[in-house]
Amino acid sequence: MIKYFKEKNIPYCLIEKDKEKIDELLRQGDPIVVDDAKELDALTDANISKAKTVIIASNNLETALIVTKKSREHNKNCRIIARCFQDEFSEIIESLGATDVVSTSKDAFEGVVKILETGVKIKE
């Protein structure tokens, strides 16, 4: 996704707790918060309260649930796009404040791009 944002010149901030995964991006000076996105400090450091869109792309269901809830609590107006690998949790994530839930891992990135570019909500 970072490549997409850079190509489209879309401002972003990434939160990632595993520094090894993002070492190259850090060296390039990309806007990254090295922390656990489940922590309010990480969301605050990423300026969640002023974000227009929050994309939750974690493979971890707990992270998706917690970050969705905290993001909505601290930003009532942003669009929250959450990836969910387990379809049975899609409604829960929506109830916590997600605007859009992309529930198939295979199509997750294409779904996020479609939402960003068209503003059309995806229904699975």
C-alpha atoms as a PDB file:
ATOM      1  CA  MET A   1       0.000   0.000   0.000  1.00  0.00           C
ATOM      2  CA  ILE A   2       2.855   2.385   0.738  1.00  0.00           C
ATOM      3  CA  LYS A   3       3.939   2.199  -2.894  1.00  0.00           C
ATOM      4  CA  TYR A   4       0.399   3.110  -3.965  1.00  0.00           C
ATOM      5  CA  PHE A   5       0.288   6.130  -1.637  1.00  0.00           C
ATOM      6  CA  LYS A   6       3.648   7.341  -2.868  1.00  0.00           C
ATOM      7  CA  GLU A   7       2.706   6.926  -6.545  1.00  0.00           C
ATOM      8  CA  LYS A   8      -0.574   8.816  -6.008  1.00  0.00           C
ATOM      9  CA  ASN A   9       1.089  11.403  -3.770  1.00  0.00           C
ATOM     10  CA  ILE A  10      -1.347  10.640  -0.933  1.00  0.00           C
ATOM     11  CA  PRO A  11      -0.135  11.627   2.538  1.00  0.00           C
ATOM     12  CA  TYR A  12       0.020   8.730   4.985  1.00  0.00           C
ATOM     13  CA  CYS A  13       1.436   7.565   8.278  1.00  0.00           C
ATOM     14  CA  LEU A  14       2.184   3.897   8.936  1.00  0.00           C
ATOM     15  CA  ILE A  15       2.106   2.292  12.375  1.00  0.00           C
ATOM     16  CA  GLU A  16       4.202  -0.885  12.646  1.00  0.00           C
ATOM     17  CA  LYS A  17       5.681  -2.425  15.765  1.00  0.00           C
ATOM     18  CA  ASP A  18       8.196  -4.691  13.996  1.00  0.00           C
ATOM     19  CA  LYS A  19      11.068  -2.373  13.130  1.00  0.00           C
ATOM     20  CA  GLU A  20      12.709  -5.023  10.929  1.00  0.00           C
ATOM     21  CA  LYS A  21       9.718  -5.040   8.564  1.00  0.00           C
ATOM     22  CA  ILE A  22      10.000  -1.313   7.949  1.00  0.00           C
ATOM     23  CA  ASP A  23      13.735  -0.718   8.227  1.00  0.00           C
ATOM     24  CA  GLU A  24      14.107   0.403   4.605  1.00  0.00           C
ATOM     25  CA  LEU A  25      11.153   2.790   4.880  1.00  0.00           C
ATOM     26  CA  LEU A  26      12.621   4.274   8.044  1.00  0.00           C
ATOM     27  CA  ARG A  27      15.924   4.851   6.267  1.00  0.00           C
ATOM     28  CA  GLN A  28      14.053   6.642   3.481  1.00  0.00           C
ATOM     29  CA  GLY A  29      12.438   8.944   6.032  1.00  0.00           C
ATOM     30  CA  ASP A  30       8.887   7.711   5.530  1.00  0.00           C
ATOM     31  CA  PRO A  31       6.318   8.840   8.128  1.00  0.00           C
ATOM     32  CA  ILE A  32       6.239   5.831  10.428  1.00  0.00           C
ATOM     33  CA  VAL A  33       5.337   5.313  14.059  1.00  0.00           C
ATOM     34  CA  VAL A  34       7.254   2.336  15.430  1.00  0.00           C
ATOM     35  CA  ASP A  35       4.821   1.064  18.027  1.00  0.00           C
ATOM     36  CA  ASP A  36       1.860  -1.248  18.536  1.00  0.00           C
ATOM     37  CA  ALA A  37      -1.212   0.208  16.811  1.00  0.00           C
ATOM     38  CA  LYS A  38      -3.366  -1.140  19.649  1.00  0.00           C
ATOM     39  CA  GLU A  39      -1.769   1.429  21.956  1.00  0.00           C
ATOM     40  CA  LEU A  40      -3.422   4.835  22.132  1.00  0.00           C
ATOM     41  CA  ASP A  41       0.009   6.517  22.165  1.00  0.00           C
ATOM     42  CA  ALA A  42       0.752   5.050  18.717  1.00  0.00           C
ATOM     43  CA  LEU A  43      -2.541   6.327  17.321  1.00  0.00           C
ATOM     44  CA  THR A  44      -1.962   9.730  18.895  1.00  0.00           C
ATOM     45  CA  ASP A  45       1.558   9.893  17.446  1.00  0.00           C
ATOM     46  CA  ALA A  46       0.081   9.095  14.016  1.00  0.00           C
ATOM     47  CA  ASN A  47      -2.333  12.019  14.495  1.00  0.00           C
ATOM     48  CA  ILE A  48      -5.427   9.793  14.347  1.00  0.00           C
ATOM     49  CA  SER A  49      -7.707  12.626  15.447  1.00  0.00           C
ATOM     50  CA  LYS A  50      -7.078  14.476  12.167  1.00  0.00           C
ATOM     51  CA  ALA A  51      -6.933  11.521   9.783  1.00  0.00           C
ATOM     52  CA  LYS A  52      -9.338  11.528   6.856  1.00  0.00           C
ATOM     53  CA  THR A  53      -9.004   7.772   6.363  1.00  0.00           C
ATOM     54  CA  VAL A  54      -7.693   4.993   8.579  1.00  0.00           C
ATOM     55  CA  ILE A  55      -6.769   1.705   6.946  1.00  0.00           C
ATOM     56  CA  ILE A  56      -6.394  -1.268   9.243  1.00  0.00           C
ATOM     57  CA  ALA A  57      -4.495  -3.926   7.327  1.00  0.00           C
ATOM     58  CA  SER A  58      -3.352  -6.152  10.177  1.00  0.00           C
ATOM     59  CA  ASN A  59      -3.490  -9.932   9.920  1.00  0.00           C
ATOM     60  CA  ASN A  60      -4.436 -10.013  13.596  1.00  0.00           C
ATOM     61  CA  LEU A  61      -8.156  -9.934  14.402  1.00  0.00           C
ATOM     62  CA  GLU A  62      -7.608  -8.536  17.898  1.00  0.00           C
ATOM     63  CA  THR A  63      -5.623  -5.652  16.422  1.00  0.00           C
ATOM     64  CA  ALA A  64      -8.341  -4.944  13.866  1.00  0.00           C
ATOM     65  CA  LEU A  65     -11.019  -4.858  16.559  1.00  0.00           C
ATOM     66  CA  ILE A  66      -9.086  -2.683  19.012  1.00  0.00           C
ATOM     67  CA  VAL A  67      -7.719  -0.242  16.437  1.00  0.00           C
ATOM     68  CA  THR A  68     -11.140   0.164  14.828  1.00  0.00           C
ATOM     69  CA  LYS A  69     -12.726   0.952  18.189  1.00  0.00           C
ATOM     70  CA  LYS A  70      -9.995   3.364  19.329  1.00  0.00           C
ATOM     71  CA  SER A  71      -9.821   5.080  15.946  1.00  0.00           C
ATOM     72  CA  ARG A  72     -13.554   5.733  15.972  1.00  0.00           C
ATOM     73  CA  GLU A  73     -13.468   6.961  19.570  1.00  0.00           C
ATOM     74  CA  HIS A  74     -10.783   9.513  18.703  1.00  0.00           C
ATOM     75  CA  ASN A  75     -12.021  10.512  15.261  1.00  0.00           C
ATOM     76  CA  LYS A  76     -15.779  10.523  14.733  1.00  0.00           C
ATOM     77  CA  ASN A  77     -15.599  11.651  11.102  1.00  0.00           C
ATOM     78  CA  CYS A  78     -12.844   9.648   9.417  1.00  0.00           C
ATOM     79  CA  ARG A  79     -13.402   6.781   7.054  1.00  0.00           C
ATOM     80  CA  ILE A  80     -12.195   3.502   8.578  1.00  0.00           C
ATOM     81  CA  ILE A  81     -11.394   0.691   6.157  1.00  0.00           C
ATOM     82  CA  ALA A  82     -10.626  -2.552   7.973  1.00  0.00           C
ATOM     83  CA  ARG A  83      -9.375  -5.821   6.562  1.00  0.00           C
ATOM     84  CA  CYS A  84     -10.909  -8.895   8.166  1.00  0.00           C
ATOM     85  CA  PHE A  85      -9.815 -12.432   7.337  1.00  0.00           C
ATOM     86  CA  GLN A  86     -12.708 -14.047   9.162  1.00  0.00           C
ATOM     87  CA  ASP A  87     -16.015 -13.129   7.587  1.00  0.00           C
ATOM     88  CA  GLU A  88     -17.967 -13.872  10.758  1.00  0.00           C
ATOM     89  CA  PHE A  89     -16.294 -10.869  12.445  1.00  0.00           C
ATOM     90  CA  SER A  90     -17.137  -8.320   9.736  1.00  0.00           C
ATOM     91  CA  GLU A  91     -20.327  -7.169  11.451  1.00  0.00           C
ATOM     92  CA  ILE A  92     -18.512  -6.775  14.772  1.00  0.00           C
ATOM     93  CA  ILE A  93     -15.853  -4.610  13.171  1.00  0.00           C
ATOM     94  CA  GLU A  94     -18.573  -2.502  11.544  1.00  0.00           C
ATOM     95  CA  SER A  95     -20.350  -2.149  14.895  1.00  0.00           C
ATOM     96  CA  LEU A  96     -17.102  -0.811  16.388  1.00  0.00           C
ATOM     97  CA  GLY A  97     -17.008   1.960  13.812  1.00  0.00           C
ATOM     98  CA  ALA A  98     -15.560   0.667  10.560  1.00  0.00           C
ATOM     99  CA  THR A  99     -17.020   2.388   7.534  1.00  0.00           C
ATOM    100  CA  ASP A 100     -15.948  -0.420   5.216  1.00  0.00           C
ATOM    101  CA  VAL A 101     -14.803  -3.977   5.882  1.00  0.00           C
ATOM    102  CA  VAL A 102     -12.855  -5.865   3.259  1.00  0.00           C
ATOM    103  CA  SER A 103     -13.376  -9.451   4.302  1.00  0.00           C
ATOM    104  CA  THR A 104     -11.466 -11.505   1.773  1.00  0.00           C
ATOM    105  CA  SER A 105      -7.721 -11.590   2.201  1.00  0.00           C
ATOM    106  CA  LYS A 106      -7.119 -12.324  -1.483  1.00  0.00           C
ATOM    107  CA  ASP A 107      -8.881  -9.174  -2.620  1.00  0.00           C
ATOM    108  CA  ALA A 108      -8.088  -6.948   0.342  1.00  0.00           C
ATOM    109  CA  PHE A 109      -5.674  -4.546  -1.313  1.00  0.00           C
ATOM    110  CA  GLU A 110      -7.746  -4.195  -4.493  1.00  0.00           C
ATOM    111  CA  GLY A 111     -10.795  -3.530  -2.334  1.00  0.00           C
ATOM    112  CA  VAL A 112      -9.033  -0.826  -0.346  1.00  0.00           C
ATOM    113  CA  VAL A 113      -7.823   0.836  -3.564  1.00  0.00           C
ATOM    114  CA  LYS A 114     -11.345   0.759  -5.014  1.00  0.00           C
ATOM    115  CA  ILE A 115     -12.756   2.403  -1.903  1.00  0.00           C
ATOM    116  CA  LEU A 116     -10.057   5.068  -1.895  1.00  0.00           C
ATOM    117  CA  GLU A 117     -10.415   5.891  -5.575  1.00  0.00           C
ATOM    118  CA  THR A 118     -14.175   5.714  -6.004  1.00  0.00           C
ATOM    119  CA  GLY A 119     -15.597   6.190  -2.546  1.00  0.00           C
ATOM    120  CA  VAL A 120     -17.904   3.259  -3.266  1.00  0.00           C
ATOM    121  CA  LYS A 121     -18.631   1.004  -0.349  1.00  0.00           C
ATOM    122  CA  ILE A 122     -17.901  -2.630  -1.093  1.00  0.00           C
ATOM    123  CA  LYS A 123     -20.545  -5.208  -0.226  1.00  0.00           C
ATOM    124  CA  GLU A 124     -19.410  -8.820  -0.241  1.00  0.00           C
END
